[in-house]
Amino acid sequence: MQKKEKNNNFYMAFCDDRFKINRIAVTFIDRLEREKNTLNALFPMVLIRGNNKYKDMKEINRFLDNMYGASLSIDVDKKGDLQAISFAISF
């Protein structure tokens, strides 16, 4: 396991040769504030719906299937007075 922390950014990596699946996860943590809560919750949902290159979820899923069945997931959680927005891809 590797661990690094600098300028309020935190990085952690686990490497294990026993598994064939890789997972990359990025989590953004923000304080719960009335003005930002809704935006923080909607932002990842809008991103997963499409972008300039892949216009809808069907195209995104088709691309992920061509990457050996990769899967993309998002999650928005509340932990105390913090809101965690997570993006993860498994391949």
PDB file of N, CA and C in Angstrom:
ATOM      1  N   MET A   1       0.844  -1.176   0.000  1.00  0.00           N
ATOM      2  CA  MET A   1       0.000   0.000   0.000  1.00  0.00           C
ATOM      3  C   MET A   1       0.888   1.237   0.000  1.00  0.00           C
ATOM      4  N   GLN A   2       0.520   2.211  -0.813  1.00  0.00           N
ATOM      5  CA  GLN A   2       1.212   3.489  -0.859  1.00  0.00           C
ATOM      6  C   GLN A   2       0.270   4.567  -0.372  1.00  0.00           C
ATOM      7  N   LYS A   3       0.810   5.538   0.363  1.00  0.00           N
ATOM      8  CA  LYS A   3      -0.006   6.609   0.889  1.00  0.00           C
ATOM      9  C   LYS A   3       0.757   7.920   0.758  1.00  0.00           C
ATOM     10  N   LYS A   4       0.097   8.954   0.215  1.00  0.00           N
ATOM     11  CA  LYS A   4       0.713  10.271   0.092  1.00  0.00           C
ATOM     12  C   LYS A   4      -0.324  11.330   0.452  1.00  0.00           C
ATOM     13  N   GLU A   5       0.153  12.400   1.066  1.00  0.00           N
ATOM     14  CA  GLU A   5      -0.739  13.503   1.397  1.00  0.00           C
ATOM     15  C   GLU A   5       0.020  14.806   1.190  1.00  0.00           C
ATOM     16  N   LYS A   6      -0.611  15.741   0.460  1.00  0.00           N
ATOM     17  CA  LYS A   6       0.026  17.026   0.184  1.00  0.00           C
ATOM     18  C   LYS A   6      -1.048  18.044  -0.179  1.00  0.00           C
ATOM     19  N   ASN A   7      -0.991  19.210   0.406  1.00  0.00           N
ATOM     20  CA  ASN A   7      -1.914  20.317   0.096  1.00  0.00           C
ATOM     21  C   ASN A   7      -3.374  19.890   0.160  1.00  0.00           C
ATOM     22  N   ASN A   8      -3.763  19.193   1.198  1.00  0.00           N
ATOM     23  CA  ASN A   8      -5.139  18.716   1.389  1.00  0.00           C
ATOM     24  C   ASN A   8      -5.574  17.704   0.344  1.00  0.00           C
ATOM     25  N   ASN A   9      -4.644  17.168  -0.457  1.00  0.00           N
ATOM     26  CA  ASN A   9      -4.942  16.094  -1.399  1.00  0.00           C
ATOM     27  C   ASN A   9      -4.391  14.804  -0.825  1.00  0.00           C
ATOM     28  N   PHE A  10      -5.115  13.725  -1.027  1.00  0.00           N
ATOM     29  CA  PHE A  10      -4.743  12.444  -0.446  1.00  0.00           C
ATOM     30  C   PHE A  10      -4.743  11.385  -1.537  1.00  0.00           C
ATOM     31  N   TYR A  11      -3.717  10.576  -1.584  1.00  0.00           N
ATOM     32  CA  TYR A  11      -3.570   9.526  -2.583  1.00  0.00           C
ATOM     33  C   TYR A  11      -3.271   8.213  -1.874  1.00  0.00           C
ATOM     34  N   MET A  12      -3.980   7.160  -2.264  1.00  0.00           N
ATOM     35  CA  MET A  12      -3.731   5.858  -1.684  1.00  0.00           C
ATOM     36  C   MET A  12      -3.827   4.809  -2.785  1.00  0.00           C
ATOM     37  N   ALA A  13      -2.893   3.877  -2.820  1.00  0.00           N
ATOM     38  CA  ALA A  13      -2.906   2.831  -3.850  1.00  0.00           C
ATOM     39  C   ALA A  13      -2.674   1.475  -3.197  1.00  0.00           C
ATOM     40  N   PHE A  14      -3.467   0.495  -3.612  1.00  0.00           N
ATOM     41  CA  PHE A  14      -3.314  -0.882  -3.171  1.00  0.00           C
ATOM     42  C   PHE A  14      -3.001  -1.724  -4.395  1.00  0.00           C
ATOM     43  N   CYS A  15      -2.002  -2.537  -4.320  1.00  0.00           N
ATOM     44  CA  CYS A  15      -1.659  -3.424  -5.426  1.00  0.00           C
ATOM     45  C   CYS A  15      -1.688  -4.858  -4.914  1.00  0.00           C
ATOM     46  N   ASP A  16      -2.408  -5.710  -5.626  1.00  0.00           N
ATOM     47  CA  ASP A  16      -2.509  -7.115  -5.238  1.00  0.00           C
ATOM     48  C   ASP A  16      -2.611  -7.963  -6.501  1.00  0.00           C
ATOM     49  N   ASP A  17      -1.659  -8.806  -6.728  1.00  0.00           N
ATOM     50  CA  ASP A  17      -1.616  -9.643  -7.926  1.00  0.00           C
ATOM     51  C   ASP A  17      -2.609 -10.802  -7.900  1.00  0.00           C
ATOM     52  N   ARG A  18      -3.307 -11.003  -6.789  1.00  0.00           N
ATOM     53  CA  ARG A  18      -4.257 -12.113  -6.695  1.00  0.00           C
ATOM     54  C   ARG A  18      -5.526 -11.872  -7.514  1.00  0.00           C
ATOM     55  N   PHE A  19      -5.802 -10.624  -7.852  1.00  0.00           N
ATOM     56  CA  PHE A  19      -7.045 -10.292  -8.527  1.00  0.00           C
ATOM     57  C   PHE A  19      -6.797  -9.893  -9.974  1.00  0.00           C
ATOM     58  N   LYS A  20      -7.763 -10.185 -10.838  1.00  0.00           N
ATOM     59  CA  LYS A  20      -7.654  -9.832 -12.252  1.00  0.00           C
ATOM     60  C   LYS A  20      -8.350  -8.510 -12.566  1.00  0.00           C
ATOM     61  N   ILE A  21      -9.123  -7.998 -11.642  1.00  0.00           N
ATOM     62  CA  ILE A  21      -9.888  -6.770 -11.856  1.00  0.00           C
ATOM     63  C   ILE A  21      -9.149  -5.587 -11.246  1.00  0.00           C
ATOM     64  N   ASN A  22      -9.082  -4.511 -11.995  1.00  0.00           N
ATOM     65  CA  ASN A  22      -8.504  -3.258 -11.499  1.00  0.00           C
ATOM     66  C   ASN A  22      -9.639  -2.280 -11.250  1.00  0.00           C
ATOM     67  N   ARG A  23      -9.454  -1.426 -10.258  1.00  0.00           N
ATOM     68  CA  ARG A  23     -10.470  -0.427  -9.939  1.00  0.00           C
ATOM     69  C   ARG A  23      -9.763   0.888  -9.631  1.00  0.00           C
ATOM     70  N   ILE A  24     -10.235   1.929 -10.266  1.00  0.00           N
ATOM     71  CA  ILE A  24      -9.731   3.278 -10.012  1.00  0.00           C
ATOM     72  C   ILE A  24     -10.904   4.097  -9.493  1.00  0.00           C
ATOM     73  N   ALA A  25     -10.716   4.715  -8.347  1.00  0.00           N
ATOM     74  CA  ALA A  25     -11.789   5.514  -7.751  1.00  0.00           C
ATOM     75  C   ALA A  25     -11.245   6.885  -7.375  1.00  0.00           C
ATOM     76  N   VAL A  26     -12.049   7.899  -7.643  1.00  0.00           N
ATOM     77  CA  VAL A  26     -11.718   9.271  -7.272  1.00  0.00           C
ATOM     78  C   VAL A  26     -12.893   9.804  -6.462  1.00  0.00           C
ATOM     79  N   THR A  27     -12.594  10.358  -5.300  1.00  0.00           N
ATOM     80  CA  THR A  27     -13.641  10.891  -4.436  1.00  0.00           C
ATOM     81  C   THR A  27     -13.345  12.349  -4.121  1.00  0.00           C
ATOM     82  N   PHE A  28     -14.353  13.189  -4.308  1.00  0.00           N
ATOM     83  CA  PHE A  28     -14.268  14.599  -3.959  1.00  0.00           C
ATOM     84  C   PHE A  28     -15.097  14.801  -2.696  1.00  0.00           C
ATOM     85  N   ILE A  29     -14.523  15.476  -1.716  1.00  0.00           N
ATOM     86  CA  ILE A  29     -15.219  15.702  -0.452  1.00  0.00           C
ATOM     87  C   ILE A  29     -15.407  17.201  -0.284  1.00  0.00           C
ATOM     88  N   ASP A  30     -16.640  17.578   0.056  1.00  0.00           N
ATOM     89  CA  ASP A  30     -16.989  18.988   0.212  1.00  0.00           C
ATOM     90  C   ASP A  30     -17.863  19.135   1.449  1.00  0.00           C
ATOM     91  N   ARG A  31     -17.801  20.277   2.079  1.00  0.00           N
ATOM     92  CA  ARG A  31     -18.672  20.540   3.237  1.00  0.00           C
ATOM     93  C   ARG A  31     -20.114  20.710   2.762  1.00  0.00           C
ATOM     94  N   LEU A  32     -21.030  20.230   3.563  1.00  0.00           N
ATOM     95  CA  LEU A  32     -22.449  20.409   3.254  1.00  0.00           C
ATOM     96  C   LEU A  32     -22.817  21.879   3.460  1.00  0.00           C
ATOM     97  N   GLU A  33     -23.263  22.512   2.402  1.00  0.00           N
ATOM     98  CA  GLU A  33     -23.737  23.891   2.452  1.00  0.00           C
ATOM     99  C   GLU A  33     -25.004  23.972   1.623  1.00  0.00           C
ATOM    100  N   ARG A  34     -25.984  24.657   2.142  1.00  0.00           N
ATOM    101  CA  ARG A  34     -27.301  24.726   1.496  1.00  0.00           C
ATOM    102  C   ARG A  34     -27.198  25.143   0.026  1.00  0.00           C
ATOM    103  N   GLU A  35     -26.296  26.059  -0.290  1.00  0.00           N
ATOM    104  CA  GLU A  35     -26.188  26.574  -1.656  1.00  0.00           C
ATOM    105  C   GLU A  35     -25.601  25.546  -2.623  1.00  0.00           C
ATOM    106  N   LYS A  36     -24.780  24.610  -2.134  1.00  0.00           N
ATOM    107  CA  LYS A  36     -24.060  23.697  -3.015  1.00  0.00           C
ATOM    108  C   LYS A  36     -24.559  22.254  -3.000  1.00  0.00           C
ATOM    109  N   ASN A  37     -25.375  21.874  -2.034  1.00  0.00           N
ATOM    110  CA  ASN A  37     -25.777  20.470  -1.891  1.00  0.00           C
ATOM    111  C   ASN A  37     -26.421  19.905  -3.153  1.00  0.00           C
ATOM    112  N   THR A  38     -27.398  20.592  -3.686  1.00  0.00           N
ATOM    113  CA  THR A  38     -28.115  20.100  -4.861  1.00  0.00           C
ATOM    114  C   THR A  38     -27.188  20.017  -6.065  1.00  0.00           C
ATOM    115  N   LEU A  39     -26.385  21.044  -6.264  1.00  0.00           N
ATOM    116  CA  LEU A  39     -25.446  21.038  -7.387  1.00  0.00           C
ATOM    117  C   LEU A  39     -24.454  19.885  -7.277  1.00  0.00           C
ATOM    118  N   ASN A  40     -23.915  19.663  -6.079  1.00  0.00           N
ATOM    119  CA  ASN A  40     -22.975  18.563  -5.878  1.00  0.00           C
ATOM    120  C   ASN A  40     -23.615  17.209  -6.133  1.00  0.00           C
ATOM    121  N   ALA A  41     -24.881  17.065  -5.808  1.00  0.00           N
ATOM    122  CA  ALA A  41     -25.573  15.794  -6.019  1.00  0.00           C
ATOM    123  C   ALA A  41     -25.929  15.578  -7.490  1.00  0.00           C
ATOM    124  N   LEU A  42     -26.268  16.652  -8.202  1.00  0.00           N
ATOM    125  CA  LEU A  42     -26.659  16.528  -9.606  1.00  0.00           C
ATOM    126  C   LEU A  42     -25.481  16.440 -10.565  1.00  0.00           C
ATOM    127  N   PHE A  43     -24.378  17.060 -10.223  1.00  0.00           N
ATOM    128  CA  PHE A  43     -23.219  17.121 -11.106  1.00  0.00           C
ATOM    129  C   PHE A  43     -22.768  15.750 -11.618  1.00  0.00           C
ATOM    130  N   PRO A  44     -22.540  14.755 -10.769  1.00  0.00           N
ATOM    131  CA  PRO A  44     -22.114  13.453 -11.292  1.00  0.00           C
ATOM    132  C   PRO A  44     -23.188  12.764 -12.123  1.00  0.00           C
ATOM    133  N   MET A  45     -24.453  12.988 -11.792  1.00  0.00           N
ATOM    134  CA  MET A  45     -25.542  12.369 -12.554  1.00  0.00           C
ATOM    135  C   MET A  45     -25.600  12.919 -13.981  1.00  0.00           C
ATOM    136  N   VAL A  46     -25.304  14.199 -14.131  1.00  0.00           N
ATOM    137  CA  VAL A  46     -25.282  14.815 -15.460  1.00  0.00           C
ATOM    138  C   VAL A  46     -24.081  14.296 -16.252  1.00  0.00           C
ATOM    139  N   LEU A  47     -22.934  14.168 -15.600  1.00  0.00           N
ATOM    140  CA  LEU A  47     -21.734  13.684 -16.292  1.00  0.00           C
ATOM    141  C   LEU A  47     -21.912  12.268 -16.828  1.00  0.00           C
ATOM    142  N   ILE A  48     -22.587  11.419 -16.090  1.00  0.00           N
ATOM    143  CA  ILE A  48     -22.738  10.019 -16.503  1.00  0.00           C
ATOM    144  C   ILE A  48     -23.736   9.877 -17.657  1.00  0.00           C
ATOM    145  N   ARG A  49     -24.528  10.891 -17.914  1.00  0.00           N
ATOM    146  CA  ARG A  49     -25.557  10.823 -18.966  1.00  0.00           C
ATOM    147  C   ARG A  49     -25.002  11.026 -20.370  1.00  0.00           C
ATOM    148  N   GLY A  50     -23.805  11.622 -20.496  1.00  0.00           N
ATOM    149  CA  GLY A  50     -23.243  11.834 -21.817  1.00  0.00           C
ATOM    150  C   GLY A  50     -22.291  13.013 -21.837  1.00  0.00           C
ATOM    151  N   ASN A  51     -21.582  13.144 -22.957  1.00  0.00           N
ATOM    152  CA  ASN A  51     -20.651  14.249 -23.136  1.00  0.00           C
ATOM    153  C   ASN A  51     -20.520  14.532 -24.635  1.00  0.00           C
ATOM    154  N   ASN A  52     -19.561  15.341 -25.026  1.00  0.00           N
ATOM    155  CA  ASN A  52     -19.408  15.691 -26.448  1.00  0.00           C
ATOM    156  C   ASN A  52     -19.091  14.478 -27.313  1.00  0.00           C
ATOM    157  N   LYS A  53     -18.280  13.569 -26.804  1.00  0.00           N
ATOM    158  CA  LYS A  53     -17.855  12.420 -27.599  1.00  0.00           C
ATOM    159  C   LYS A  53     -18.887  11.285 -27.566  1.00  0.00           C
ATOM    160  N   TYR A  54     -19.461  11.021 -26.410  1.00  0.00           N
ATOM    161  CA  TYR A  54     -20.463   9.958 -26.245  1.00  0.00           C
ATOM    162  C   TYR A  54     -21.770  10.625 -25.825  1.00  0.00           C
ATOM    163  N   LYS A  55     -22.701  10.702 -26.764  1.00  0.00           N
ATOM    164  CA  LYS A  55     -23.891  11.551 -26.610  1.00  0.00           C
ATOM    165  C   LYS A  55     -24.895  11.061 -25.569  1.00  0.00           C
ATOM    166  N   ASP A  56     -24.915   9.758 -25.287  1.00  0.00           N
ATOM    167  CA  ASP A  56     -25.880   9.254 -24.316  1.00  0.00           C
ATOM    168  C   ASP A  56     -25.295   8.046 -23.584  1.00  0.00           C
ATOM    169  N   MET A  57     -26.063   7.525 -22.627  1.00  0.00           N
ATOM    170  CA  MET A  57     -25.595   6.404 -21.812  1.00  0.00           C
ATOM    171  C   MET A  57     -25.359   5.150 -22.655  1.00  0.00           C
ATOM    172  N   LYS A  58     -26.126   4.981 -23.707  1.00  0.00           N
ATOM    173  CA  LYS A  58     -25.959   3.814 -24.573  1.00  0.00           C
ATOM    174  C   LYS A  58     -24.583   3.819 -25.225  1.00  0.00           C
ATOM    175  N   GLU A  59     -24.142   4.972 -25.720  1.00  0.00           N
ATOM    176  CA  GLU A  59     -22.819   5.084 -26.338  1.00  0.00           C
ATOM    177  C   GLU A  59     -21.708   4.907 -25.307  1.00  0.00           C
ATOM    178  N   ILE A  60     -21.905   5.449 -24.113  1.00  0.00           N
ATOM    179  CA  ILE A  60     -20.917   5.271 -23.047  1.00  0.00           C
ATOM    180  C   ILE A  60     -20.776   3.794 -22.704  1.00  0.00           C
ATOM    181  N   ASN A  61     -21.902   3.102 -22.551  1.00  0.00           N
ATOM    182  CA  ASN A  61     -21.865   1.674 -22.223  1.00  0.00           C
ATOM    183  C   ASN A  61     -21.260   0.843 -23.347  1.00  0.00           C
ATOM    184  N   ARG A  62     -21.523   1.210 -24.576  1.00  0.00           N
ATOM    185  CA  ARG A  62     -20.926   0.508 -25.717  1.00  0.00           C
ATOM    186  C   ARG A  62     -19.402   0.655 -25.681  1.00  0.00           C
ATOM    187  N   PHE A  63     -18.920   1.869 -25.392  1.00  0.00           N
ATOM    188  CA  PHE A  63     -17.481   2.100 -25.278  1.00  0.00           C
ATOM    189  C   PHE A  63     -16.885   1.277 -24.132  1.00  0.00           C
ATOM    190  N   LEU A  64     -17.563   1.264 -22.979  1.00  0.00           N
ATOM    191  CA  LEU A  64     -17.067   0.498 -21.839  1.00  0.00           C
ATOM    192  C   LEU A  64     -17.047  -0.999 -22.135  1.00  0.00           C
ATOM    193  N   ASP A  65     -18.039  -1.501 -22.857  1.00  0.00           N
ATOM    194  CA  ASP A  65     -18.063  -2.917 -23.238  1.00  0.00           C
ATOM    195  C   ASP A  65     -16.880  -3.274 -24.125  1.00  0.00           C
ATOM    196  N   ASN A  66     -16.477  -2.357 -24.990  1.00  0.00           N
ATOM    197  CA  ASN A  66     -15.311  -2.589 -25.850  1.00  0.00           C
ATOM    198  C   ASN A  66     -14.007  -2.558 -25.065  1.00  0.00           C
ATOM    199  N   MET A  67     -14.050  -2.063 -23.852  1.00  0.00           N
ATOM    200  CA  MET A  67     -12.868  -2.054 -22.983  1.00  0.00           C
ATOM    201  C   MET A  67     -12.912  -3.269 -22.056  1.00  0.00           C
ATOM    202  N   TYR A  68     -13.177  -4.430 -22.624  1.00  0.00           N
ATOM    203  CA  TYR A  68     -13.223  -5.700 -21.888  1.00  0.00           C
ATOM    204  C   TYR A  68     -14.254  -5.694 -20.763  1.00  0.00           C
ATOM    205  N   GLY A  69     -15.383  -5.070 -21.011  1.00  0.00           N
ATOM    206  CA  GLY A  69     -16.472  -5.095 -20.031  1.00  0.00           C
ATOM    207  C   GLY A  69     -16.254  -4.187 -18.843  1.00  0.00           C
ATOM    208  N   ALA A  70     -15.604  -3.065 -19.049  1.00  0.00           N
ATOM    209  CA  ALA A  70     -15.388  -2.114 -17.955  1.00  0.00           C
ATOM    210  C   ALA A  70     -16.729  -1.585 -17.459  1.00  0.00           C
ATOM    211  N   SER A  71     -16.766  -1.169 -16.212  1.00  0.00           N
ATOM    212  CA  SER A  71     -17.991  -0.571 -15.684  1.00  0.00           C
ATOM    213  C   SER A  71     -17.656   0.724 -14.962  1.00  0.00           C
ATOM    214  N   LEU A  72     -18.542   1.680 -15.099  1.00  0.00           N
ATOM    215  CA  LEU A  72     -18.374   3.001 -14.518  1.00  0.00           C
ATOM    216  C   LEU A  72     -19.468   3.200 -13.485  1.00  0.00           C
ATOM    217  N   SER A  73     -19.104   3.693 -12.321  1.00  0.00           N
ATOM    218  CA  SER A  73     -20.122   3.923 -11.297  1.00  0.00           C
ATOM    219  C   SER A  73     -19.877   5.268 -10.623  1.00  0.00           C
ATOM    220  N   ILE A  74     -20.966   5.838 -10.126  1.00  0.00           N
ATOM    221  CA  ILE A  74     -20.894   7.101  -9.397  1.00  0.00           C
ATOM    222  C   ILE A  74     -21.686   6.953  -8.118  1.00  0.00           C
ATOM    223  N   ASP A  75     -21.344   7.774  -7.137  1.00  0.00           N
ATOM    224  CA  ASP A  75     -22.045   7.703  -5.859  1.00  0.00           C
ATOM    225  C   ASP A  75     -21.941   9.059  -5.175  1.00  0.00           C
ATOM    226  N   VAL A  76     -23.005   9.468  -4.537  1.00  0.00           N
ATOM    227  CA  VAL A  76     -23.009  10.685  -3.731  1.00  0.00           C
ATOM    228  C   VAL A  76     -23.456  10.277  -2.345  1.00  0.00           C
ATOM    229  N   ASP A  77     -22.609  10.544  -1.352  1.00  0.00           N
ATOM    230  CA  ASP A  77     -22.872  10.138   0.028  1.00  0.00           C
ATOM    231  C   ASP A  77     -22.755  11.324   0.966  1.00  0.00           C
ATOM    232  N   LYS A  78     -23.456  11.234   2.072  1.00  0.00           N
ATOM    233  CA  LYS A  78     -23.331  12.224   3.131  1.00  0.00           C
ATOM    234  C   LYS A  78     -22.681  11.526   4.318  1.00  0.00           C
ATOM    235  N   LYS A  79     -21.612  12.098   4.809  1.00  0.00           N
ATOM    236  CA  LYS A  79     -20.916  11.559   5.974  1.00  0.00           C
ATOM    237  C   LYS A  79     -20.780  12.696   6.981  1.00  0.00           C
ATOM    238  N   GLY A  80     -21.660  12.717   7.953  1.00  0.00           N
ATOM    239  CA  GLY A  80     -21.653  13.803   8.931  1.00  0.00           C
ATOM    240  C   GLY A  80     -21.982  15.111   8.253  1.00  0.00           C
ATOM    241  N   ASP A  81     -21.096  16.086   8.378  1.00  0.00           N
ATOM    242  CA  ASP A  81     -21.316  17.387   7.725  1.00  0.00           C
ATOM    243  C   ASP A  81     -20.539  17.505   6.418  1.00  0.00           C
ATOM    244  N   LEU A  82     -20.165  16.344   5.839  1.00  0.00           N
ATOM    245  CA  LEU A  82     -19.444  16.317   4.570  1.00  0.00           C
ATOM    246  C   LEU A  82     -20.245  15.590   3.503  1.00  0.00           C
ATOM    247  N   GLN A  83     -20.020  15.954   2.276  1.00  0.00           N
ATOM    248  CA  GLN A  83     -20.645  15.294   1.132  1.00  0.00           C
ATOM    249  C   GLN A  83     -19.530  14.711   0.271  1.00  0.00           C
ATOM    250  N   ALA A  84     -19.618  13.415  -0.016  1.00  0.00           N
ATOM    251  CA  ALA A  84     -18.596  12.727  -0.808  1.00  0.00           C
ATOM    252  C   ALA A  84     -19.169  12.366  -2.167  1.00  0.00           C
ATOM    253  N   ILE A  85     -18.475  12.779  -3.228  1.00  0.00           N
ATOM    254  CA  ILE A  85     -18.878  12.482  -4.602  1.00  0.00           C
ATOM    255  C   ILE A  85     -17.808  11.561  -5.180  1.00  0.00           C
ATOM    256  N   SER A  86     -18.192  10.323  -5.521  1.00  0.00           N
ATOM    257  CA  SER A  86     -17.221   9.319  -5.955  1.00  0.00           C
ATOM    258  C   SER A  86     -17.478   8.887  -7.387  1.00  0.00           C
ATOM    259  N   PHE A  87     -16.394   8.748  -8.139  1.00  0.00           N
ATOM    260  CA  PHE A  87     -16.407   8.201  -9.492  1.00  0.00           C
ATOM    261  C   PHE A  87     -15.484   6.985  -9.476  1.00  0.00           C
ATOM    262  N   ALA A  88     -15.917   5.867 -10.046  1.00  0.00           N
ATOM    263  CA  ALA A  88     -15.075   4.664 -10.047  1.00  0.00           C
ATOM    264  C   ALA A  88     -15.242   3.942 -11.370  1.00  0.00           C
ATOM    265  N   ILE A  89     -14.149   3.339 -11.832  1.00  0.00           N
ATOM    266  CA  ILE A  89     -14.196   2.500 -13.022  1.00  0.00           C
ATOM    267  C   ILE A  89     -13.487   1.196 -12.678  1.00  0.00           C
ATOM    268  N   SER A  90     -14.108   0.093 -13.063  1.00  0.00           N
ATOM    269  CA  SER A  90     -13.528  -1.239 -12.882  1.00  0.00           C
ATOM    270  C   SER A  90     -13.315  -1.842 -14.256  1.00  0.00           C
ATOM    271  N   PHE A  91     -12.164  -2.502 -14.411  1.00  0.00           N
ATOM    272  CA  PHE A  91     -11.869  -3.118 -15.705  1.00  0.00           C
ATOM    273  C   PHE A  91     -10.994  -4.338 -15.495  1.00  0.00           C
TER     274      PHE A  91
END
